[in-house]
N, C-alpha and C. Protein backbone atom coordinates (compact mmCIF):
# COMPACT_ATOMS: atom_id res chain seq x y z
N MET A 1 0.86 -1.23 -0.16
CA MET A 1 -0.14 0.00 -0.03
C MET A 1 0.81 1.15 -0.01
N ARG A 2 0.50 2.26 -0.98
CA ARG A 2 1.40 3.32 -0.95
C ARG A 2 0.67 4.43 -1.76
N ILE A 3 1.09 5.57 -1.42
CA ILE A 3 0.61 6.85 -2.06
C ILE A 3 1.14 7.16 -3.23
N ILE A 4 0.40 7.04 -4.56
CA ILE A 4 1.20 7.15 -5.74
C ILE A 4 1.07 8.42 -6.44
N ASN A 5 0.16 9.31 -5.72
CA ASN A 5 0.05 10.74 -6.48
C ASN A 5 -0.39 11.68 -5.26
N ALA A 6 0.08 12.95 -5.52
CA ALA A 6 -0.23 14.05 -4.41
C ALA A 6 -0.29 15.47 -5.17
N LYS A 7 -1.19 16.25 -4.76
CA LYS A 7 -1.21 17.40 -5.41
C LYS A 7 -1.82 18.63 -4.49
N PHE A 8 -1.24 19.83 -4.21
CA PHE A 8 -1.96 20.86 -3.49
C PHE A 8 -3.13 21.24 -4.01
N LEU A 9 -4.21 21.49 -3.26
CA LEU A 9 -5.38 21.91 -3.74
C LEU A 9 -5.59 23.57 -3.25
N LEU A 10 -5.69 23.67 -1.83
CA LEU A 10 -5.86 25.04 -1.45
C LEU A 10 -5.73 25.31 -0.26
N SER A 11 -5.44 26.74 0.24
CA SER A 11 -5.35 27.06 1.72
C SER A 11 -6.63 27.84 2.18
N ALA A 12 -6.82 27.73 3.56
CA ALA A 12 -7.80 28.41 3.92
C ALA A 12 -7.61 28.93 5.35
N GLN A 13 -8.23 29.92 5.93
CA GLN A 13 -8.00 30.39 7.14
C GLN A 13 -8.70 29.75 8.20
N GLY A 14 -9.87 29.18 7.68
CA GLY A 14 -10.90 28.28 8.65
C GLY A 14 -11.87 27.56 8.08
N ILE A 15 -12.85 27.09 8.70
CA ILE A 15 -13.74 26.01 7.88
C ILE A 15 -14.62 26.77 7.00
N ASP A 16 -14.72 27.95 7.27
CA ASP A 16 -15.50 28.81 6.18
C ASP A 16 -15.14 28.98 4.72
N GLY A 17 -13.84 28.81 4.72
CA GLY A 17 -13.06 28.78 3.45
C GLY A 17 -12.80 27.62 2.90
N LEU A 18 -13.45 26.66 3.33
CA LEU A 18 -13.01 25.16 2.94
C LEU A 18 -14.22 24.77 2.14
N PRO A 19 -14.09 24.36 1.02
CA PRO A 19 -15.33 23.79 0.43
C PRO A 19 -15.71 22.25 0.69
N GLU A 20 -16.57 21.46 0.46
CA GLU A 20 -16.64 20.11 0.60
C GLU A 20 -16.43 19.28 -0.24
N PHE A 21 -15.25 18.81 -0.02
CA PHE A 21 -14.61 17.93 -1.15
C PHE A 21 -15.16 16.70 -1.63
N GLY A 22 -16.08 16.42 -0.65
CA GLY A 22 -16.60 14.83 -1.10
C GLY A 22 -15.79 13.61 -0.70
N ILE A 23 -14.51 13.92 -0.17
CA ILE A 23 -13.69 12.98 -0.06
C ILE A 23 -13.17 13.05 1.87
N SER A 24 -12.73 11.66 2.15
CA SER A 24 -12.43 11.66 3.65
C SER A 24 -11.12 12.47 3.83
N GLU A 25 -11.10 13.15 5.00
CA GLU A 25 -10.10 14.00 5.40
C GLU A 25 -9.19 13.54 6.44
N VAL A 26 -7.86 13.69 6.31
CA VAL A 26 -6.84 13.27 7.28
C VAL A 26 -6.32 14.82 7.87
N ALA A 27 -6.59 14.73 9.24
CA ALA A 27 -6.08 16.03 9.66
C ALA A 27 -4.79 15.92 10.53
N PHE A 28 -3.64 16.62 10.23
CA PHE A 28 -2.24 16.36 10.78
C PHE A 28 -2.29 17.40 11.83
N LEU A 29 -1.80 17.08 12.98
CA LEU A 29 -1.69 18.28 14.13
C LEU A 29 -0.28 17.86 14.95
N GLY A 30 -0.12 18.81 15.55
CA GLY A 30 1.50 18.80 16.34
C GLY A 30 2.08 20.10 16.66
N ARG A 31 2.99 20.01 17.37
CA ARG A 31 3.55 20.95 17.82
C ARG A 31 4.47 21.77 16.64
N SER A 32 4.69 23.01 16.85
CA SER A 32 5.10 23.86 15.43
C SER A 32 6.43 23.33 14.86
N ASN A 33 7.42 22.65 15.65
CA ASN A 33 8.60 21.96 15.22
C ASN A 33 8.72 20.47 15.10
N VAL A 34 7.41 19.80 15.04
CA VAL A 34 7.39 18.42 15.00
C VAL A 34 7.79 17.97 13.77
N GLY A 35 7.64 18.54 12.60
CA GLY A 35 8.18 18.02 11.31
C GLY A 35 6.98 17.73 10.52
N LYS A 36 5.79 18.32 10.75
CA LYS A 36 4.41 18.03 9.98
C LYS A 36 4.72 18.20 8.51
N SER A 37 5.29 19.20 8.00
CA SER A 37 5.31 19.18 6.52
C SER A 37 6.45 18.15 5.91
N SER A 38 7.36 17.86 6.91
CA SER A 38 8.35 16.84 6.41
C SER A 38 7.84 15.44 6.39
N ILE A 39 6.94 15.17 7.30
CA ILE A 39 6.20 13.81 7.31
C ILE A 39 5.47 13.71 6.32
N ILE A 40 4.38 14.82 5.75
CA ILE A 40 3.61 14.68 4.66
C ILE A 40 4.32 14.64 3.51
N ASN A 41 5.33 15.25 3.19
CA ASN A 41 6.27 15.14 2.04
C ASN A 41 6.86 13.44 2.00
N ALA A 42 7.46 13.07 3.04
CA ALA A 42 7.53 11.56 3.26
C ALA A 42 6.48 10.85 2.73
N LEU A 43 5.44 10.97 3.38
CA LEU A 43 4.34 10.00 3.03
C LEU A 43 3.92 10.07 1.37
N THR A 44 4.05 11.23 1.04
CA THR A 44 3.47 11.39 -0.45
C THR A 44 4.65 11.56 -1.59
N ASN A 45 5.90 11.04 -0.84
CA ASN A 45 7.22 10.82 -1.79
C ASN A 45 7.42 12.12 -2.48
N HIS A 46 7.14 13.42 -1.87
CA HIS A 46 7.21 14.55 -2.66
C HIS A 46 8.60 15.31 -1.81
N ASN A 47 9.40 16.18 -2.39
CA ASN A 47 10.11 17.02 -1.71
C ASN A 47 9.74 18.21 -0.91
N SER A 48 8.77 18.97 -1.75
CA SER A 48 8.14 20.18 -1.39
C SER A 48 6.64 20.45 -1.49
N LEU A 49 5.99 19.24 -1.48
CA LEU A 49 4.44 19.32 -1.45
C LEU A 49 4.03 20.35 -0.45
N ALA A 50 4.27 19.86 0.74
CA ALA A 50 4.04 20.47 2.04
C ALA A 50 5.34 21.49 2.35
N LYS A 51 5.09 22.91 2.39
CA LYS A 51 6.08 23.88 2.56
C LYS A 51 6.47 23.61 4.14
N SER A 52 7.74 23.64 4.33
CA SER A 52 8.31 23.83 5.71
C SER A 52 9.19 25.08 6.03
N SER A 53 9.23 25.54 7.08
CA SER A 53 9.99 26.65 7.31
C SER A 53 10.85 26.37 8.41
N SER A 54 11.87 27.33 8.50
CA SER A 54 12.84 27.16 9.45
C SER A 54 12.33 27.92 10.69
N THR A 55 11.35 28.98 10.71
CA THR A 55 10.90 29.38 11.60
C THR A 55 9.49 28.94 12.07
N PRO A 56 9.61 28.20 13.38
CA PRO A 56 8.28 27.54 13.95
C PRO A 56 7.50 28.50 14.05
N GLY A 57 6.03 27.82 13.75
CA GLY A 57 4.72 28.56 13.83
C GLY A 57 4.30 29.41 12.29
N LYS A 58 5.13 29.25 11.39
CA LYS A 58 5.16 30.09 10.28
C LYS A 58 3.70 29.51 9.54
N THR A 59 3.21 28.33 9.51
CA THR A 59 2.31 27.87 8.89
C THR A 59 1.08 28.47 9.52
N GLN A 60 0.26 29.20 8.98
CA GLN A 60 -0.72 29.90 9.60
C GLN A 60 -2.10 29.65 9.04
N LEU A 61 -2.05 28.94 8.07
CA LEU A 61 -3.45 28.38 7.21
C LEU A 61 -3.59 27.02 7.19
N ILE A 62 -4.73 26.56 6.86
CA ILE A 62 -5.43 25.21 6.86
C ILE A 62 -5.06 24.59 5.52
N ASN A 63 -3.97 24.17 5.03
CA ASN A 63 -3.31 23.45 3.91
C ASN A 63 -4.12 22.16 3.49
N CYS A 64 -4.47 21.99 2.26
CA CYS A 64 -5.16 20.95 1.80
C CYS A 64 -4.38 20.27 0.63
N PHE A 65 -4.37 19.10 0.74
CA PHE A 65 -3.74 18.27 -0.55
C PHE A 65 -4.61 16.95 -0.72
N GLU A 66 -4.68 16.80 -2.12
CA GLU A 66 -5.39 15.63 -2.56
C GLU A 66 -4.39 14.43 -2.88
N VAL A 67 -4.45 13.05 -2.06
CA VAL A 67 -3.37 12.19 -2.39
C VAL A 67 -4.22 10.96 -2.87
N ILE A 68 -3.86 10.13 -3.43
CA ILE A 68 -4.09 8.93 -3.94
C ILE A 68 -3.42 7.91 -3.40
N ILE A 69 -4.18 6.88 -2.83
CA ILE A 69 -3.60 5.59 -2.21
C ILE A 69 -3.99 4.34 -3.07
N ASP A 70 -2.90 3.85 -3.32
CA ASP A 70 -3.15 2.42 -4.11
C ASP A 70 -3.04 1.45 -3.09
N ASN A 71 -4.10 0.59 -2.82
CA ASN A 71 -4.06 -0.44 -1.95
C ASN A 71 -4.11 -1.65 -2.65
N GLU A 72 -3.51 -1.74 -3.73
CA GLU A 72 -3.17 -3.10 -4.77
C GLU A 72 -4.71 -3.49 -5.37
N GLU A 73 -5.81 -3.00 -4.98
CA GLU A 73 -6.87 -3.35 -5.61
C GLU A 73 -7.56 -2.16 -6.39
N GLU A 74 -7.36 -1.18 -5.72
CA GLU A 74 -8.17 0.20 -6.34
C GLU A 74 -7.11 1.29 -5.84
N LYS A 75 -7.55 2.32 -6.63
CA LYS A 75 -6.88 3.80 -6.09
C LYS A 75 -7.84 4.84 -5.57
N ILE A 76 -7.56 4.93 -4.18
CA ILE A 76 -8.60 5.84 -3.44
C ILE A 76 -8.08 7.23 -3.12
N PRO A 77 -8.83 8.21 -3.40
CA PRO A 77 -8.57 9.51 -2.97
C PRO A 77 -8.72 10.07 -1.58
N LEU A 78 -7.74 10.70 -0.86
CA LEU A 78 -7.90 11.37 0.22
C LEU A 78 -7.52 12.65 0.43
N ILE A 79 -7.91 13.34 1.32
CA ILE A 79 -7.56 14.80 1.60
C ILE A 79 -6.63 14.85 2.79
N PHE A 80 -5.44 15.05 2.55
CA PHE A 80 -4.44 15.35 3.60
C PHE A 80 -4.35 16.93 4.32
N VAL A 81 -4.67 17.16 5.23
CA VAL A 81 -4.82 18.59 5.69
C VAL A 81 -3.76 19.07 6.63
N ASP A 82 -3.00 19.80 6.27
CA ASP A 82 -1.65 20.16 7.28
C ASP A 82 -2.34 21.50 7.90
N LEU A 83 -2.22 21.34 9.26
CA LEU A 83 -2.72 22.37 10.06
C LEU A 83 -1.81 23.08 10.78
N PRO A 84 -2.06 24.49 11.42
CA PRO A 84 -1.05 25.20 11.90
C PRO A 84 -0.68 24.53 13.21
N GLY A 85 0.63 24.65 13.43
CA GLY A 85 1.25 24.01 14.76
C GLY A 85 1.07 24.89 16.10
N PHE A 86 1.20 24.17 16.95
CA PHE A 86 0.77 24.95 18.45
C PHE A 86 2.01 24.97 19.09
N GLY A 87 2.32 26.20 19.85
CA GLY A 87 3.55 26.18 20.90
C GLY A 87 4.65 27.21 20.62
N TYR A 88 4.74 27.52 19.20
CA TYR A 88 5.94 28.39 19.30
C TYR A 88 5.93 29.72 18.26
N ALA A 89 4.63 30.01 17.97
CA ALA A 89 4.42 30.93 16.90
C ALA A 89 4.44 32.28 17.64
N LYS A 90 5.35 33.25 16.95
CA LYS A 90 5.43 34.44 17.60
C LYS A 90 4.62 35.52 16.79
N VAL A 91 3.29 35.52 17.52
CA VAL A 91 2.21 36.34 16.92
C VAL A 91 1.65 36.98 18.05
N SER A 92 0.57 37.81 17.66
CA SER A 92 -0.03 38.70 18.77
C SER A 92 -1.01 37.80 19.58
N LYS A 93 -1.38 38.12 20.92
CA LYS A 93 -2.36 37.25 21.61
C LYS A 93 -3.61 37.03 20.66
N SER A 94 -3.92 38.24 19.97
CA SER A 94 -5.51 38.36 19.37
C SER A 94 -5.18 37.42 18.00
N MET A 95 -4.21 37.43 17.26
CA MET A 95 -3.97 36.80 16.25
C MET A 95 -4.10 35.23 16.58
N HIS A 96 -3.34 34.89 17.49
CA HIS A 96 -3.21 33.35 18.27
C HIS A 96 -4.67 33.05 18.60
N SER A 97 -5.37 33.84 19.21
CA SER A 97 -6.74 33.54 19.55
C SER A 97 -7.51 33.22 18.36
N ILE A 98 -7.60 33.83 17.31
CA ILE A 98 -8.20 33.76 15.89
C ILE A 98 -7.79 32.49 15.47
N TRP A 99 -6.61 32.05 15.34
CA TRP A 99 -6.24 30.66 14.93
C TRP A 99 -6.56 29.65 15.73
N GLN A 100 -6.70 29.65 17.01
CA GLN A 100 -7.28 28.77 17.83
C GLN A 100 -8.82 28.65 17.64
N GLU A 101 -9.75 29.58 17.52
CA GLU A 101 -10.87 29.43 17.17
C GLU A 101 -11.33 28.89 15.89
N ASN A 102 -10.42 29.24 14.75
CA ASN A 102 -10.48 28.79 13.67
C ASN A 102 -10.18 27.20 13.46
N LEU A 103 -9.28 26.70 14.01
CA LEU A 103 -8.88 25.39 14.31
C LEU A 103 -9.82 24.37 14.80
N ASP A 104 -10.23 25.08 16.04
CA ASP A 104 -11.21 24.42 16.74
C ASP A 104 -12.69 24.15 16.12
N ARG A 105 -13.04 25.12 15.26
CA ARG A 105 -14.35 24.97 14.76
C ARG A 105 -14.03 23.96 13.50
N TYR A 106 -12.84 23.82 13.08
CA TYR A 106 -12.62 23.02 11.92
C TYR A 106 -12.71 21.66 12.28
N LEU A 107 -12.04 21.36 13.67
CA LEU A 107 -11.82 19.96 14.24
C LEU A 107 -13.06 19.66 14.79
N ARG A 108 -13.84 20.25 15.30
CA ARG A 108 -15.09 20.01 16.08
C ARG A 108 -16.06 19.48 14.99
N GLN A 109 -16.26 20.60 13.84
CA GLN A 109 -17.33 20.55 13.02
C GLN A 109 -17.27 20.08 11.52
N ARG A 110 -16.08 19.72 11.18
CA ARG A 110 -15.65 19.06 9.88
C ARG A 110 -15.84 17.72 9.87
N LEU A 111 -17.22 17.33 9.45
CA LEU A 111 -17.82 15.88 9.23
C LEU A 111 -17.09 14.96 8.51
N SER A 112 -16.22 15.64 7.61
CA SER A 112 -15.30 14.63 6.70
C SER A 112 -14.17 14.33 7.26
N ILE A 113 -13.67 14.67 8.44
CA ILE A 113 -12.57 14.32 8.89
C ILE A 113 -12.63 12.72 9.60
N LYS A 114 -11.71 11.84 9.01
CA LYS A 114 -11.92 10.48 9.43
C LYS A 114 -10.73 10.09 10.45
N ALA A 115 -9.69 10.73 10.20
CA ALA A 115 -8.52 10.51 11.18
C ALA A 115 -7.94 11.86 11.50
N PHE A 116 -7.63 11.87 12.81
CA PHE A 116 -6.69 12.79 13.25
C PHE A 116 -5.27 12.38 13.65
N ILE A 117 -4.24 12.84 13.02
CA ILE A 117 -2.74 12.18 12.93
C ILE A 117 -2.20 13.23 14.00
N HIS A 118 -1.86 12.78 15.30
CA HIS A 118 -1.16 13.67 16.22
C HIS A 118 0.19 13.34 16.23
N LEU A 119 1.11 14.08 15.87
CA LEU A 119 2.40 13.93 15.43
C LEU A 119 3.29 14.40 16.82
N ILE A 120 3.99 13.68 17.15
CA ILE A 120 4.76 13.84 18.42
C ILE A 120 6.46 13.69 18.16
N ASP A 121 7.09 14.66 18.65
CA ASP A 121 8.31 14.48 18.68
C ASP A 121 9.02 13.33 19.63
N SER A 122 9.47 12.30 18.85
CA SER A 122 9.59 11.16 19.80
C SER A 122 10.93 11.39 20.82
N ARG A 123 11.57 12.39 20.51
CA ARG A 123 12.77 12.67 21.43
C ARG A 123 11.96 13.33 22.65
N HIS A 124 10.72 13.85 22.70
CA HIS A 124 10.26 14.88 23.55
C HIS A 124 8.77 14.33 24.10
N ALA A 125 8.70 12.75 24.08
CA ALA A 125 7.27 12.35 24.24
C ALA A 125 7.02 12.55 25.73
N GLY A 126 5.53 12.75 25.77
CA GLY A 126 5.04 12.90 27.33
C GLY A 126 4.98 14.30 27.68
N LEU A 127 5.38 15.35 26.71
CA LEU A 127 5.18 16.63 27.18
C LEU A 127 3.63 16.90 27.39
N GLN A 128 3.51 17.95 28.16
CA GLN A 128 2.12 18.46 28.74
C GLN A 128 1.13 18.81 27.56
N LYS A 129 1.71 19.54 26.64
CA LYS A 129 0.92 20.03 25.31
C LYS A 129 0.50 18.89 24.62
N ASP A 130 1.36 17.98 24.53
CA ASP A 130 1.04 16.88 23.59
C ASP A 130 -0.06 15.92 24.39
N GLU A 131 0.18 15.93 25.64
CA GLU A 131 -1.17 15.28 26.44
C GLU A 131 -2.23 16.01 26.37
N ASN A 132 -2.17 17.29 26.57
CA ASN A 132 -3.24 18.21 26.50
C ASN A 132 -4.05 18.05 25.20
N LEU A 133 -3.23 17.99 24.05
CA LEU A 133 -3.91 17.84 22.64
C LEU A 133 -4.72 16.45 22.80
N GLY A 134 -4.17 15.43 23.13
CA GLY A 134 -4.62 14.16 23.09
C GLY A 134 -5.92 14.07 23.67
N LEU A 135 -6.01 14.68 25.06
CA LEU A 135 -7.18 14.83 25.82
C LEU A 135 -8.29 15.70 24.93
N TYR A 136 -7.73 16.74 24.38
CA TYR A 136 -8.65 17.77 23.78
C TYR A 136 -9.49 16.91 22.65
N LEU A 137 -8.68 16.18 21.76
CA LEU A 137 -9.14 15.29 20.70
C LEU A 137 -10.23 14.29 21.44
N SER A 138 -9.85 13.79 22.40
CA SER A 138 -10.76 12.67 22.91
C SER A 138 -12.15 13.21 23.27
N GLU A 139 -12.09 14.65 23.72
CA GLU A 139 -13.49 15.31 23.96
C GLU A 139 -14.43 15.10 23.01
N PHE A 140 -14.13 15.29 21.70
CA PHE A 140 -15.21 15.41 20.69
C PHE A 140 -15.18 14.16 19.41
N ALA A 141 -13.88 13.61 19.66
CA ALA A 141 -14.04 12.66 18.31
C ALA A 141 -14.88 11.71 18.27
N ARG A 142 -15.69 11.42 17.14
CA ARG A 142 -16.77 10.76 17.02
C ARG A 142 -16.31 9.19 16.82
N ALA A 143 -17.46 8.40 16.93
CA ALA A 143 -17.10 6.89 16.76
C ALA A 143 -16.66 6.57 15.30
N ASP A 144 -16.77 7.36 14.54
CA ASP A 144 -16.39 7.10 13.07
C ASP A 144 -14.81 7.82 12.91
N GLN A 145 -14.44 8.33 13.73
CA GLN A 145 -13.11 8.80 13.67
C GLN A 145 -11.88 8.26 14.58
N ARG A 146 -10.60 8.11 14.13
CA ARG A 146 -9.74 7.74 14.84
C ARG A 146 -8.53 8.45 15.02
N VAL A 147 -8.01 8.57 16.27
CA VAL A 147 -6.77 9.05 16.65
C VAL A 147 -5.63 8.49 16.53
N LEU A 148 -4.71 8.86 15.83
CA LEU A 148 -3.21 7.99 15.62
C LEU A 148 -2.23 8.80 16.13
N ASN A 149 -1.34 8.18 16.79
CA ASN A 149 -0.21 8.90 17.31
C ASN A 149 0.93 8.57 16.58
N ILE A 150 1.58 9.46 15.90
CA ILE A 150 2.82 9.15 14.93
C ILE A 150 3.94 9.81 15.62
N TYR A 151 4.78 9.11 15.94
CA TYR A 151 6.11 9.75 16.49
C TYR A 151 7.25 10.19 15.57
N THR A 152 7.70 11.40 15.24
CA THR A 152 8.51 11.79 14.37
C THR A 152 9.98 11.65 14.85
N LYS A 153 10.89 11.75 13.82
CA LYS A 153 12.31 11.93 14.10
C LYS A 153 12.97 10.79 15.05
N SER A 154 12.10 9.46 14.60
CA SER A 154 12.71 8.35 15.46
C SER A 154 14.11 8.01 15.10
N ASP A 155 14.72 8.37 13.98
CA ASP A 155 16.06 8.02 13.71
C ASP A 155 16.94 8.69 14.78
N LYS A 156 16.70 9.58 15.43
CA LYS A 156 17.37 10.16 16.82
C LYS A 156 17.47 9.13 17.94
N LEU A 157 16.84 8.15 17.82
CA LEU A 157 16.55 7.36 19.22
C LEU A 157 17.24 6.02 18.95
N ASN A 158 17.93 5.43 20.06
CA ASN A 158 18.66 4.29 20.05
C ASN A 158 17.49 3.13 20.32
N GLN A 159 17.96 2.01 20.07
CA GLN A 159 16.96 0.94 20.41
C GLN A 159 16.36 0.81 21.76
N SER A 160 17.15 1.25 22.79
CA SER A 160 16.48 1.13 24.08
C SER A 160 15.50 2.28 24.27
N GLN A 161 15.79 3.33 23.81
CA GLN A 161 14.62 4.60 23.65
C GLN A 161 13.64 4.06 23.09
N LYS A 162 13.62 3.65 21.98
CA LYS A 162 12.51 3.09 21.18
C LYS A 162 11.67 2.08 21.78
N ALA A 163 12.58 1.04 22.53
CA ALA A 163 11.53 0.06 23.37
C ALA A 163 10.95 0.86 24.58
N GLN A 164 11.59 1.90 25.05
CA GLN A 164 10.86 2.42 26.25
C GLN A 164 9.65 3.39 25.75
N LEU A 165 9.66 3.86 24.51
CA LEU A 165 8.52 4.65 24.01
C LEU A 165 7.43 3.71 23.68
N LEU A 166 7.78 2.64 23.01
CA LEU A 166 6.60 1.55 22.87
C LEU A 166 6.08 1.03 24.20
N LYS A 167 6.85 1.11 25.33
CA LYS A 167 6.33 0.57 26.54
C LYS A 167 5.15 1.35 26.89
N ILE A 168 5.43 2.85 26.81
CA ILE A 168 4.64 3.81 27.24
C ILE A 168 3.56 3.89 26.34
N ASP A 169 3.60 3.86 24.97
CA ASP A 169 2.42 3.93 24.23
C ASP A 169 2.82 2.61 23.23
N PRO A 170 1.98 1.47 23.48
CA PRO A 170 2.18 0.45 22.64
C PRO A 170 1.63 0.50 21.31
N ASN A 171 0.81 1.47 20.99
CA ASN A 171 0.29 1.56 19.64
C ASN A 171 1.18 2.76 18.79
N ALA A 172 2.37 2.96 19.28
CA ALA A 172 2.98 4.24 18.69
C ALA A 172 3.48 3.73 17.29
N ILE A 173 3.41 4.78 16.45
CA ILE A 173 4.02 4.49 15.01
C ILE A 173 5.16 5.22 15.03
N LEU A 174 6.45 4.71 14.89
CA LEU A 174 7.63 5.66 14.72
C LEU A 174 8.00 5.74 13.34
N VAL A 175 8.30 7.00 13.17
CA VAL A 175 8.73 7.25 11.79
C VAL A 175 10.07 8.25 11.59
N SER A 176 10.68 8.44 10.59
CA SER A 176 11.65 9.17 10.41
C SER A 176 11.45 9.84 8.87
N SER A 177 11.29 10.91 8.70
CA SER A 177 11.24 11.61 7.36
C SER A 177 12.64 11.68 6.76
N SER A 178 13.52 11.73 7.42
CA SER A 178 14.83 11.90 6.69
C SER A 178 15.39 10.64 6.36
N LYS A 179 15.22 9.36 6.97
CA LYS A 179 15.66 8.17 6.81
C LYS A 179 14.41 7.21 6.16
N LYS A 180 13.34 7.90 5.79
CA LYS A 180 12.27 7.23 5.43
C LYS A 180 11.75 5.69 6.00
N THR A 181 12.14 5.77 7.37
CA THR A 181 11.82 4.62 7.97
C THR A 181 10.43 4.89 8.60
N GLY A 182 9.67 3.56 8.69
CA GLY A 182 8.30 3.69 9.21
C GLY A 182 7.02 4.30 8.43
N ILE A 183 7.39 4.99 7.17
CA ILE A 183 6.53 5.63 6.18
C ILE A 183 5.46 4.62 5.84
N ASP A 184 6.03 3.31 5.32
CA ASP A 184 4.86 2.31 4.97
C ASP A 184 4.03 2.04 5.72
N LYS A 185 4.22 1.87 6.93
CA LYS A 185 3.60 1.49 8.15
C LYS A 185 2.57 2.48 8.62
N ALA A 186 3.03 4.08 8.46
CA ALA A 186 2.07 4.82 8.97
C ALA A 186 1.02 5.01 7.85
N THR A 187 1.48 4.95 6.48
CA THR A 187 0.48 5.01 5.28
C THR A 187 -0.66 4.06 5.56
N LYS A 188 -0.06 2.82 5.91
CA LYS A 188 -1.18 1.72 6.17
C LYS A 188 -1.96 1.89 7.15
N ALA A 189 -1.46 2.46 8.39
CA ALA A 189 -2.19 2.87 9.62
C ALA A 189 -3.20 3.98 9.30
N ILE A 190 -2.88 5.14 8.47
CA ILE A 190 -3.72 6.00 8.17
C ILE A 190 -4.97 5.57 7.40
N TYR A 191 -4.71 4.49 6.37
CA TYR A 191 -5.58 4.12 5.38
C TYR A 191 -6.64 3.38 6.38
N ASN A 192 -5.94 2.55 7.12
CA ASN A 192 -7.02 1.56 8.38
C ASN A 192 -7.95 2.53 9.08
N ALA A 193 -7.35 3.49 9.72
CA ALA A 193 -7.73 4.43 10.51
C ALA A 193 -9.06 5.21 9.60
N VAL A 194 -9.04 5.47 8.50
CA VAL A 194 -10.14 6.36 7.57
C VAL A 194 -11.03 5.21 7.19
N PHE A 195 -10.58 4.07 7.03
CA PHE A 195 -11.79 3.15 6.57
C PHE A 195 -12.19 2.26 7.58
N GLY A 196 -11.82 2.29 8.76
CA GLY A 196 -12.23 1.53 9.76
C GLY A 196 -11.58 -0.05 9.92
N VAL A 197 -10.64 -0.23 9.33
CA VAL A 197 -10.03 -1.41 9.26
C VAL A 197 -9.31 -1.90 10.64
N LYS A 198 -9.73 -2.72 11.37
CA LYS A 198 -8.92 -3.20 12.57
C LYS A 198 -7.77 -3.70 12.40
């Protein structure tokens, strides 16, 4: 199972600026420097589909991409949604409040979201901000939605550290965008989450 095609569709400030694609959506969330863009690029086998920045918090829009997954039986379209990161953006309090309101409405009200991908820096697992995000998603995630924890930058861990992380979170998916490890497993997990495959 792999993603065979991907393209940028549009950017929007909030749910009001998003059309109904008629396709299941996969929302990527995480702290500002967790590597969201890098993982989306690795999953889609593109170098610059999702734009990354050296300035944490630079992504301020909801960015949508159409991807095609080949599951060896058929080719299925999905929408990957790259959301603004949280934690490090150097913006005014009023702007930050607007971001939070836009994100909250999108996450709670968008019926086409089938999977929330919570990206966590594997080197800093267990941070309060990540735990808070997990609790926040659990407040409103519907029965037809799944939350996946995908741990980025796993190439920075040794085997002992990986084993310890898997003890804490047995369902953890460890990936590295730079080494391209765990990408196939993550793709399959996303597919299974969207389509309710156990």
